Protein backbone atom coordinates (compact mmCIF):
# COMPACT_ATOMS: atom_id res chain seq x y z
CA MET A 1 -125.63 5.49 -63.38
CA PHE A 2 -126.14 3.42 -66.53
CA ASN A 3 -124.71 5.37 -69.43
CA VAL A 4 -126.13 3.93 -72.65
CA TYR A 5 -123.62 5.57 -74.96
CA ILE A 6 -120.61 3.94 -73.30
CA TRP A 7 -122.06 0.44 -73.74
CA PHE A 8 -123.26 1.17 -77.27
CA TYR A 9 -119.90 2.42 -78.52
CA THR A 10 -118.02 -0.32 -76.68
CA GLY A 11 -120.28 -2.87 -78.36
CA ILE A 12 -119.63 -1.37 -81.79
CA PHE A 13 -115.87 -1.39 -81.13
CA LEU A 14 -115.93 -5.03 -79.98
CA ALA A 15 -118.09 -6.10 -82.91
CA ILE A 16 -115.70 -4.51 -85.41
CA ILE A 17 -112.55 -5.82 -83.74
CA GLY A 18 -114.08 -9.28 -83.28
CA THR A 19 -115.15 -9.44 -86.90
CA LEU A 20 -111.69 -8.46 -88.12
CA ALA A 21 -110.10 -11.01 -85.78
CA ALA A 22 -112.46 -13.72 -87.02
CA CYS A 23 -111.57 -12.85 -90.63
CA TRP A 24 -107.84 -13.11 -90.00
CA GLY A 25 -108.28 -15.81 -87.36
CA PRO A 26 -108.26 -18.85 -89.69
CA GLY A 27 -104.51 -18.37 -90.08
CA VAL A 28 -104.18 -19.17 -86.37
CA LYS A 29 -103.42 -22.81 -85.63
CA ASP A 30 -104.98 -22.98 -82.17
CA PRO A 31 -108.74 -23.78 -82.21
CA VAL A 32 -109.27 -22.08 -78.85
CA ILE A 33 -108.05 -18.75 -80.22
CA ARG A 34 -110.35 -19.17 -83.23
CA THR A 35 -113.30 -19.62 -80.89
CA LEU A 36 -112.33 -16.58 -78.82
CA ASN A 37 -112.12 -14.46 -81.97
CA THR A 38 -115.75 -15.18 -82.80
CA GLU A 39 -116.89 -14.74 -79.20
CA VAL A 40 -115.54 -11.17 -79.08
CA ALA A 41 -117.82 -10.20 -81.97
CA SER A 42 -120.85 -11.86 -80.36
CA ILE A 43 -120.24 -10.04 -77.07
CA GLY A 44 -120.03 -6.76 -79.00
CA VAL A 45 -123.38 -7.40 -80.68
CA SER A 46 -124.89 -8.32 -77.32
CA LEU A 47 -123.67 -5.04 -75.81
CA ILE A 48 -125.33 -3.14 -78.64
CA PHE A 49 -128.60 -4.98 -78.03
CA LEU A 50 -128.21 -4.41 -74.29
CA CYS A 51 -128.86 -0.72 -74.90
CA TYR A 52 -132.28 -1.58 -76.29
CA ASN A 53 -133.55 -4.66 -74.46
CA HIS A 54 -132.00 -6.94 -71.84
CA MET A 55 -133.77 -10.12 -72.96
CA LEU A 56 -132.77 -9.51 -76.57
CA ALA A 57 -129.13 -9.14 -75.51
CA LEU A 58 -129.20 -12.34 -73.48
CA LEU A 59 -130.80 -14.38 -76.24
CA THR A 60 -128.37 -13.01 -78.82
CA LEU A 61 -125.36 -13.89 -76.69
CA ILE A 62 -126.60 -17.43 -76.09
CA ALA A 63 -127.55 -18.03 -79.72
CA THR A 64 -124.35 -16.67 -81.24
CA SER A 65 -122.16 -18.54 -78.78
CA VAL A 66 -123.85 -21.87 -79.48
CA ILE A 67 -123.93 -21.42 -83.26
CA CYS A 68 -120.29 -20.28 -83.51
CA THR A 69 -119.11 -23.12 -81.30
CA LEU A 70 -120.97 -25.73 -83.35
CA ILE A 71 -119.66 -24.35 -86.64
CA LEU A 72 -116.07 -24.22 -85.42
CA LEU A 73 -116.17 -27.72 -83.93
CA ARG A 74 -117.57 -29.05 -87.22
CA ALA A 75 -114.86 -27.27 -89.22
CA ILE A 76 -112.09 -28.51 -86.93
CA SER A 77 -113.34 -32.10 -87.08
CA ARG A 78 -113.53 -31.90 -90.89
CA LEU A 79 -109.98 -30.62 -91.10
CA GLU A 80 -108.76 -33.42 -88.85
CA GLU A 81 -110.56 -36.00 -91.00
CA ILE A 82 -108.75 -34.91 -94.14
CA GLY A 83 -105.46 -34.83 -92.29
CA ALA A 84 -104.82 -31.11 -92.28
CA ASP A 85 -102.59 -29.66 -89.60
CA VAL A 86 -105.00 -27.87 -87.24
């Protein structure tokens, strides 16, 4: 049976851990790990929204994944243009 509380609290846990990892993630040199740090938080938010509405959860996951990926690719390309060690 679908237990709403398990998914809700798991989503809160993932959102908090993902946010903390994204805050400390810029110290990481690998861009793939930086992307994964932001994706953990977006999956947590999607799990929270999954408790309320399935379409809202799906749209949130798609939107946050696309926006985070575009922002990180832009930041990485800017750092490579100025010659920083990425």
